[in-house]
N, C-alpha and C. Protein backbone atom coordinates (compact mmCIF):
# COMPACT_ATOMS: atom_id res chain seq x y z
N MET A 1 -8.17 0.40 26.36
CA MET A 1 -7.85 -1.04 27.03
C MET A 1 -6.43 -1.25 26.63
N LEU A 2 -5.80 -1.89 27.68
CA LEU A 2 -4.39 -2.24 27.49
C LEU A 2 -4.33 -3.71 26.99
N VAL A 3 -3.10 -3.93 26.37
CA VAL A 3 -3.11 -5.34 25.70
C VAL A 3 -3.09 -6.38 26.64
N LYS A 4 -2.42 -6.12 27.93
CA LYS A 4 -2.51 -7.14 28.89
C LYS A 4 -4.07 -7.72 29.44
N GLU A 5 -4.81 -6.40 29.33
CA GLU A 5 -6.14 -6.72 29.85
C GLU A 5 -6.99 -7.46 28.70
N LEU A 6 -6.67 -7.28 27.53
CA LEU A 6 -7.38 -8.02 26.35
C LEU A 6 -6.89 -9.32 26.55
N ILE A 7 -5.82 -9.82 26.70
CA ILE A 7 -5.32 -11.10 26.71
C ILE A 7 -5.93 -11.67 28.02
N GLY A 8 -5.86 -11.04 29.17
CA GLY A 8 -6.36 -11.60 30.31
C GLY A 8 -7.97 -11.61 30.27
N ASN A 9 -8.65 -11.13 29.52
CA ASN A 9 -10.15 -11.18 29.52
C ASN A 9 -10.63 -11.91 28.42
N THR A 10 -9.79 -12.50 27.40
CA THR A 10 -10.39 -13.33 26.30
C THR A 10 -9.70 -14.76 26.20
N SER A 11 -10.23 -15.25 25.34
CA SER A 11 -9.51 -16.77 25.28
C SER A 11 -8.33 -16.91 24.26
N ILE A 12 -7.48 -16.10 24.35
CA ILE A 12 -6.24 -15.86 23.45
C ILE A 12 -5.45 -16.87 24.23
N ASN A 13 -4.80 -17.96 23.21
CA ASN A 13 -3.72 -18.73 23.91
C ASN A 13 -2.54 -18.00 24.37
N LYS A 14 -2.28 -18.27 25.84
CA LYS A 14 -1.12 -17.70 26.27
C LYS A 14 0.01 -18.59 26.52
N ILE A 15 1.10 -18.32 25.83
CA ILE A 15 2.19 -19.36 25.80
C ILE A 15 3.30 -18.91 26.57
N SER A 16 3.92 -19.57 27.36
CA SER A 16 5.07 -19.19 28.25
C SER A 16 6.21 -18.99 27.33
N TYR A 17 6.89 -17.79 27.57
CA TYR A 17 8.05 -17.49 26.77
C TYR A 17 9.20 -18.38 26.84
N TYR A 18 9.21 -19.20 28.05
CA TYR A 18 10.25 -20.21 28.19
C TYR A 18 9.89 -21.48 27.56
N GLU A 19 9.03 -21.53 26.79
CA GLU A 19 8.68 -22.66 25.93
C GLU A 19 9.28 -22.43 24.53
N PHE A 20 9.95 -21.14 24.42
CA PHE A 20 10.66 -20.97 23.24
C PHE A 20 12.29 -20.99 23.37
N GLU A 21 13.06 -21.14 22.33
CA GLU A 21 14.62 -21.11 22.42
C GLU A 21 15.15 -20.82 21.10
N ASN A 22 16.30 -20.53 20.93
CA ASN A 22 17.09 -20.27 19.91
C ASN A 22 16.70 -18.95 19.08
N PHE A 23 16.52 -17.79 19.80
CA PHE A 23 16.03 -16.74 18.98
C PHE A 23 16.88 -16.00 18.37
N ILE A 24 16.27 -15.73 17.12
CA ILE A 24 17.09 -15.00 16.15
C ILE A 24 16.27 -13.84 15.70
N LYS A 25 16.90 -12.66 15.64
CA LYS A 25 16.13 -11.40 15.14
C LYS A 25 16.28 -11.48 13.55
N ILE A 26 15.14 -11.58 12.91
CA ILE A 26 15.20 -11.61 11.49
C ILE A 26 14.68 -10.34 10.87
N SER A 27 14.01 -9.39 11.67
CA SER A 27 13.53 -8.24 11.13
C SER A 27 13.50 -7.04 12.19
N ASP A 28 13.98 -5.84 11.63
CA ASP A 28 13.86 -4.71 12.53
C ASP A 28 13.61 -3.54 11.72
N ILE A 29 12.44 -3.67 11.07
CA ILE A 29 11.91 -2.50 10.25
C ILE A 29 10.66 -2.09 10.68
N GLY A 30 10.32 -0.93 10.10
CA GLY A 30 9.21 -0.43 10.45
C GLY A 30 8.83 -0.14 12.05
N PHE A 31 7.60 -0.58 12.45
CA PHE A 31 7.40 -0.33 13.99
C PHE A 31 7.46 -1.70 14.58
N CYS A 32 8.18 -2.70 14.16
CA CYS A 32 8.18 -3.86 14.85
C CYS A 32 9.41 -4.67 14.76
N TYR A 33 9.66 -5.54 15.60
CA TYR A 33 10.78 -6.69 15.61
C TYR A 33 10.03 -8.03 15.37
N ILE A 34 10.80 -8.73 14.70
CA ILE A 34 10.39 -10.12 14.25
C ILE A 34 11.67 -11.18 14.73
N PHE A 35 11.34 -11.97 15.56
CA PHE A 35 12.20 -13.22 15.89
C PHE A 35 11.85 -14.44 15.45
N ARG A 36 12.84 -15.20 14.92
CA ARG A 36 12.57 -16.55 14.79
C ARG A 36 12.93 -17.35 15.96
N ALA A 37 12.03 -18.41 16.39
CA ALA A 37 12.52 -19.14 17.71
C ALA A 37 11.93 -20.51 17.47
N GLU A 38 12.56 -21.41 18.14
CA GLU A 38 12.03 -22.68 18.19
C GLU A 38 11.00 -23.09 19.29
N TRP A 39 9.88 -23.50 18.96
CA TRP A 39 8.84 -23.72 20.11
C TRP A 39 9.40 -25.19 20.61
N LYS A 40 9.90 -25.31 21.81
CA LYS A 40 10.27 -26.57 22.12
C LYS A 40 9.37 -27.75 22.20
N ASN A 41 8.15 -27.45 22.69
CA ASN A 41 7.19 -28.66 22.97
C ASN A 41 6.62 -29.07 21.59
N CYS A 42 6.54 -28.28 20.61
CA CYS A 42 5.93 -28.46 19.34
C CYS A 42 7.02 -28.72 18.32
N ARG A 43 8.25 -28.64 18.60
CA ARG A 43 9.19 -28.90 17.72
C ARG A 43 9.12 -28.30 16.32
N ILE A 44 8.67 -26.72 16.25
CA ILE A 44 8.43 -26.24 15.19
C ILE A 44 9.10 -24.80 15.25
N SER A 45 9.36 -24.32 14.10
CA SER A 45 9.96 -22.76 14.16
C SER A 45 8.71 -21.81 14.12
N VAL A 46 8.75 -20.79 14.73
CA VAL A 46 7.68 -19.70 14.74
C VAL A 46 8.23 -18.35 14.69
N ALA A 47 7.51 -17.46 14.45
CA ALA A 47 7.70 -16.06 14.40
C ALA A 47 7.24 -15.20 15.61
N LEU A 48 8.00 -14.55 16.11
CA LEU A 48 7.67 -13.81 17.35
C LEU A 48 7.54 -12.41 16.95
N LYS A 49 6.64 -11.72 17.02
CA LYS A 49 6.49 -10.25 16.71
C LYS A 49 6.31 -9.43 17.67
N SER A 50 7.03 -8.47 17.97
CA SER A 50 6.72 -7.51 18.93
C SER A 50 6.96 -5.98 18.52
N LEU A 51 6.06 -5.15 18.94
CA LEU A 51 5.89 -3.66 18.46
C LEU A 51 7.18 -2.90 19.17
N LYS A 52 7.68 -2.03 18.30
CA LYS A 52 8.63 -1.16 19.07
C LYS A 52 7.69 -0.04 19.90
N PHE A 53 8.07 0.43 21.05
CA PHE A 53 7.20 1.18 21.71
C PHE A 53 7.06 2.44 21.04
N ASN A 54 5.76 2.93 21.13
CA ASN A 54 5.54 4.48 20.82
C ASN A 54 4.06 4.65 21.64
N GLN A 55 3.49 5.87 21.23
CA GLN A 55 2.40 6.28 22.04
C GLN A 55 1.22 5.36 21.57
N PHE A 56 1.30 4.68 20.42
CA PHE A 56 0.13 3.88 19.75
C PHE A 56 0.33 2.34 19.84
N SER A 57 1.45 2.11 20.48
CA SER A 57 1.71 0.55 20.57
C SER A 57 0.53 -0.22 21.14
N ASP A 58 -0.09 0.13 22.29
CA ASP A 58 -0.97 -0.75 22.82
C ASP A 58 -2.21 -0.86 21.73
N SER A 59 -2.60 0.22 21.26
CA SER A 59 -3.76 0.08 20.48
C SER A 59 -3.48 -0.60 19.05
N ILE A 60 -2.31 -0.40 18.52
CA ILE A 60 -1.98 -1.21 17.42
C ILE A 60 -1.83 -2.73 17.77
N MET A 61 -1.43 -2.98 18.79
CA MET A 61 -1.02 -4.34 19.14
C MET A 61 -2.59 -5.01 19.35
N ILE A 62 -3.36 -4.27 20.13
CA ILE A 62 -4.91 -4.79 20.36
C ILE A 62 -5.61 -5.08 18.93
N ASN A 63 -5.37 -4.17 18.22
CA ASN A 63 -6.15 -4.24 16.79
C ASN A 63 -5.51 -5.32 16.17
N GLU A 64 -4.28 -5.65 16.05
CA GLU A 64 -3.65 -6.85 15.37
C GLU A 64 -3.97 -8.10 15.96
N ILE A 65 -4.08 -8.23 17.40
CA ILE A 65 -4.55 -9.49 17.95
C ILE A 65 -5.88 -9.72 17.76
N GLN A 66 -6.87 -8.66 17.73
CA GLN A 66 -8.24 -8.92 17.56
C GLN A 66 -8.36 -9.53 16.05
N ILE A 67 -7.71 -8.96 15.14
CA ILE A 67 -7.89 -9.36 13.78
C ILE A 67 -7.36 -10.94 13.45
N LEU A 68 -6.12 -11.07 14.20
CA LEU A 68 -5.55 -12.48 13.89
C LEU A 68 -6.51 -13.54 14.63
N ARG A 69 -6.96 -13.08 15.71
CA ARG A 69 -7.94 -13.99 16.60
C ARG A 69 -9.42 -14.32 15.60
N SER A 70 -9.70 -13.31 14.87
CA SER A 70 -10.84 -13.39 13.89
C SER A 70 -10.84 -14.34 12.67
N ILE A 71 -9.44 -14.15 12.39
CA ILE A 71 -9.23 -15.00 11.22
C ILE A 71 -9.53 -16.55 11.14
N GLY A 72 -9.05 -17.24 12.35
CA GLY A 72 -9.17 -18.66 12.29
C GLY A 72 -8.18 -19.16 11.46
N TYR A 73 -8.40 -20.65 11.04
CA TYR A 73 -7.38 -21.18 10.21
C TYR A 73 -7.91 -21.12 8.67
N HIS A 74 -6.68 -20.88 7.88
CA HIS A 74 -6.82 -21.05 6.40
C HIS A 74 -5.54 -21.58 5.88
N PRO A 75 -5.66 -22.53 5.00
CA PRO A 75 -4.37 -23.22 4.51
C PRO A 75 -3.25 -22.02 3.86
N HIS A 76 -3.75 -20.94 3.45
CA HIS A 76 -2.83 -20.15 2.75
C HIS A 76 -2.75 -18.71 3.51
N ILE A 77 -2.75 -18.98 4.92
CA ILE A 77 -2.58 -17.70 5.67
C ILE A 77 -2.04 -18.30 6.99
N ASN A 78 -0.70 -17.48 7.12
CA ASN A 78 0.09 -17.91 8.29
C ASN A 78 -0.75 -17.94 9.62
N THR A 79 -0.63 -19.01 10.38
CA THR A 79 -1.39 -19.25 11.55
C THR A 79 -0.91 -18.52 12.88
N PHE A 80 -2.11 -18.13 13.37
CA PHE A 80 -1.76 -17.37 14.80
C PHE A 80 -1.95 -18.28 15.85
N TYR A 81 -0.89 -18.64 16.70
CA TYR A 81 -0.85 -19.41 17.78
C TYR A 81 -1.23 -18.91 19.24
N GLY A 82 -0.97 -17.68 19.18
CA GLY A 82 -1.36 -17.07 20.57
C GLY A 82 -0.36 -15.96 20.91
N VAL A 83 -0.21 -15.52 22.06
CA VAL A 83 0.70 -14.55 22.47
C VAL A 83 1.72 -15.17 23.62
N THR A 84 2.81 -14.27 23.70
CA THR A 84 3.59 -14.75 24.87
C THR A 84 4.26 -13.25 25.48
N GLU A 85 4.65 -13.32 26.49
CA GLU A 85 5.31 -12.03 27.35
C GLU A 85 6.65 -12.26 27.38
N GLY A 86 7.52 -11.51 26.78
CA GLY A 86 8.91 -11.49 26.76
C GLY A 86 9.64 -11.04 28.03
N PRO A 87 10.85 -11.23 28.11
CA PRO A 87 11.55 -10.96 29.17
C PRO A 87 11.51 -9.63 29.86
N ASP A 88 11.01 -8.82 28.92
CA ASP A 88 11.03 -7.12 29.38
C ASP A 88 9.55 -6.66 29.40
N ASN A 89 8.72 -7.74 29.54
CA ASN A 89 7.23 -7.60 29.86
C ASN A 89 6.64 -7.25 28.53
N GLU A 90 7.22 -7.37 27.46
CA GLU A 90 6.46 -6.84 26.08
C GLU A 90 5.64 -8.19 25.42
N ILE A 91 4.47 -7.83 25.15
CA ILE A 91 3.83 -8.86 24.50
C ILE A 91 4.15 -9.07 23.12
N MET A 92 4.44 -10.39 22.59
CA MET A 92 4.75 -10.81 21.62
C MET A 92 3.65 -11.82 20.85
N ILE A 93 3.50 -11.56 19.59
CA ILE A 93 2.40 -12.50 18.81
C ILE A 93 3.27 -13.55 18.33
N VAL A 94 2.69 -14.79 18.49
CA VAL A 94 3.28 -15.93 18.03
C VAL A 94 2.52 -16.37 16.79
N LEU A 95 3.33 -16.53 15.81
CA LEU A 95 2.82 -16.74 14.35
C LEU A 95 3.56 -17.82 13.79
N GLN A 96 2.96 -18.73 12.76
CA GLN A 96 3.42 -19.55 11.93
C GLN A 96 4.68 -19.08 11.27
N TYR A 97 5.90 -19.73 11.32
CA TYR A 97 7.14 -19.24 10.76
C TYR A 97 7.20 -19.61 9.10
N ALA A 98 7.45 -18.73 8.37
CA ALA A 98 7.58 -18.94 6.74
C ALA A 98 8.98 -19.31 6.46
N ASN A 99 9.42 -20.38 6.25
CA ASN A 99 10.63 -20.90 6.15
C ASN A 99 11.40 -20.25 4.91
N ASN A 100 10.70 -20.05 3.89
CA ASN A 100 11.51 -19.40 2.86
C ASN A 100 11.38 -17.77 2.77
N GLY A 101 11.16 -17.13 4.16
CA GLY A 101 11.12 -15.74 4.19
C GLY A 101 9.70 -15.27 3.88
N ASN A 102 9.66 -13.96 3.51
CA ASN A 102 8.53 -13.28 2.97
C ASN A 102 8.29 -13.61 1.41
N LEU A 103 7.08 -13.25 0.95
CA LEU A 103 6.93 -13.71 -0.37
C LEU A 103 7.71 -12.94 -1.26
N ARG A 104 7.94 -11.66 -0.94
CA ARG A 104 8.71 -10.65 -1.80
C ARG A 104 10.20 -11.40 -1.87
N GLU A 105 10.82 -11.87 -0.69
CA GLU A 105 12.20 -12.41 -0.85
C GLU A 105 12.33 -13.50 -1.61
N TYR A 106 11.19 -14.62 -1.30
CA TYR A 106 10.97 -15.80 -2.07
C TYR A 106 11.06 -15.44 -3.49
N LEU A 107 10.16 -14.71 -4.07
CA LEU A 107 9.98 -14.51 -5.56
C LEU A 107 11.43 -13.97 -6.09
N LYS A 108 12.02 -12.98 -5.24
CA LYS A 108 13.20 -12.31 -5.77
C LYS A 108 14.05 -13.32 -6.00
N ASN A 109 14.30 -14.30 -5.13
CA ASN A 109 15.32 -15.42 -5.23
C ASN A 109 15.06 -16.34 -6.07
N ASN A 110 13.74 -16.65 -6.49
CA ASN A 110 13.28 -18.04 -7.00
C ASN A 110 12.53 -17.85 -8.32
N PHE A 111 12.07 -16.62 -8.52
CA PHE A 111 11.06 -16.39 -9.56
C PHE A 111 11.60 -17.16 -10.98
N SER A 112 12.89 -16.78 -11.45
CA SER A 112 13.26 -17.43 -12.62
C SER A 112 13.23 -18.87 -12.53
N SER A 113 13.36 -19.41 -11.66
CA SER A 113 13.37 -21.00 -11.61
C SER A 113 12.01 -21.55 -11.42
N LEU A 114 11.06 -20.82 -11.08
CA LEU A 114 9.77 -21.46 -10.90
C LEU A 114 9.18 -21.74 -12.18
N GLN A 115 8.38 -22.88 -12.28
CA GLN A 115 7.69 -23.07 -13.53
C GLN A 115 6.46 -22.38 -13.47
N TRP A 116 5.78 -22.20 -14.69
CA TRP A 116 4.60 -21.37 -14.79
C TRP A 116 3.46 -21.99 -13.93
N GLU A 117 3.35 -23.13 -14.00
CA GLU A 117 2.25 -23.92 -13.22
C GLU A 117 2.45 -23.64 -11.90
N ASP A 118 3.62 -23.36 -11.15
CA ASP A 118 3.90 -22.94 -9.84
C ASP A 118 3.53 -21.67 -9.55
N LYS A 119 3.90 -20.74 -10.47
CA LYS A 119 3.62 -19.30 -10.24
C LYS A 119 2.15 -19.16 -10.50
N ILE A 120 1.38 -19.78 -11.15
CA ILE A 120 0.01 -19.75 -11.23
C ILE A 120 -0.70 -20.28 -9.94
N ARG A 121 -0.21 -21.48 -9.60
CA ARG A 121 -0.68 -22.05 -8.27
C ARG A 121 -0.61 -21.05 -7.13
N MET A 122 0.70 -20.54 -7.07
CA MET A 122 0.84 -19.47 -5.96
C MET A 122 -0.17 -18.29 -6.10
N ALA A 123 -0.37 -17.92 -7.31
CA ALA A 123 -1.24 -16.73 -7.33
C ALA A 123 -2.67 -17.09 -6.93
N LYS A 124 -3.10 -18.26 -7.36
CA LYS A 124 -4.36 -18.89 -6.89
C LYS A 124 -4.40 -19.09 -5.38
N GLU A 125 -3.27 -19.26 -4.75
CA GLU A 125 -3.33 -19.61 -3.27
C GLU A 125 -3.38 -18.25 -2.56
N ILE A 126 -2.64 -17.17 -3.06
CA ILE A 126 -2.71 -15.89 -2.64
C ILE A 126 -4.06 -15.46 -2.98
N THR A 127 -4.67 -15.51 -3.88
CA THR A 127 -6.08 -15.06 -4.03
C THR A 127 -7.12 -15.65 -3.20
N GLN A 128 -6.80 -16.97 -2.90
CA GLN A 128 -7.97 -17.53 -1.98
C GLN A 128 -7.56 -17.16 -0.65
N GLY A 129 -6.48 -16.76 -0.25
CA GLY A 129 -6.12 -16.21 1.08
C GLY A 129 -6.87 -14.82 1.27
N VAL A 130 -6.51 -14.08 0.33
CA VAL A 130 -7.19 -12.67 0.55
C VAL A 130 -8.44 -12.73 0.38
N LEU A 131 -9.34 -13.47 -0.47
CA LEU A 131 -10.77 -13.65 -0.54
C LEU A 131 -11.17 -14.10 0.65
N TYR A 132 -10.44 -15.02 1.54
CA TYR A 132 -10.96 -15.41 2.86
C TYR A 132 -11.01 -14.20 3.67
N LEU A 133 -9.94 -13.40 3.62
CA LEU A 133 -9.82 -12.12 4.65
C LEU A 133 -11.05 -11.33 4.24
N HIS A 134 -11.10 -10.96 2.90
CA HIS A 134 -12.22 -10.06 2.52
C HIS A 134 -13.54 -10.67 2.97
N ASN A 135 -13.86 -11.96 2.71
CA ASN A 135 -15.01 -12.33 3.27
C ASN A 135 -15.28 -12.23 4.89
N LYS A 136 -14.33 -12.00 5.38
CA LYS A 136 -14.37 -11.71 6.89
C LYS A 136 -14.38 -10.11 7.21
N ASN A 137 -14.47 -9.47 6.15
CA ASN A 137 -14.39 -7.91 6.25
C ASN A 137 -12.86 -7.31 6.75
N ILE A 138 -11.93 -8.14 6.39
CA ILE A 138 -10.44 -7.79 6.88
C ILE A 138 -9.75 -7.39 5.45
N VAL A 139 -8.95 -6.26 5.58
CA VAL A 139 -8.24 -5.83 4.34
C VAL A 139 -6.77 -6.06 4.77
N HIS A 140 -6.08 -6.69 3.94
CA HIS A 140 -4.59 -6.91 4.20
C HIS A 140 -3.90 -5.43 3.66
N ARG A 141 -3.44 -4.89 4.59
CA ARG A 141 -2.73 -3.56 4.35
C ARG A 141 -1.34 -3.81 4.05
N ASP A 142 -0.77 -4.85 3.77
CA ASP A 142 0.74 -4.74 3.51
C ASP A 142 0.94 -5.82 2.49
N LEU A 143 0.06 -5.94 1.41
CA LEU A 143 0.07 -6.94 0.36
C LEU A 143 0.85 -6.13 -0.73
N HIS A 144 2.12 -6.46 -0.85
CA HIS A 144 2.83 -5.53 -1.78
C HIS A 144 3.70 -6.20 -2.77
N THR A 145 3.94 -7.61 -2.93
CA THR A 145 4.60 -8.37 -3.76
C THR A 145 4.01 -8.52 -5.12
């Protein structure tokens, strides 16, 4: 199955690429690119994730979209808004943008200034998010902070 077939045959929210503006590439590591953009109608920042092309791109993207779709909403997991098709026909996943970067960067820059109650609260929130995923039989494969 191709990514575009999955998107066309399911209730995944399809968002016009032209609803976004002010694109900034924030990551170019591993197998994907991540951009920060402004969602004009919603007036929020979002993260747009696209895969670098290789022979496994479609199957990786299909798997990720299906997992994100199955998660639903949880206050301690970044929200999946849907997908968009970029100017080069690449499918991009639209996610909630984390204003302070990823957790590793945030802790690296702020750990010494955080109070212990904040550190404990964050640990509990992470645990709640991971437990929610595990209850849906989803394993977070990139939890490394």
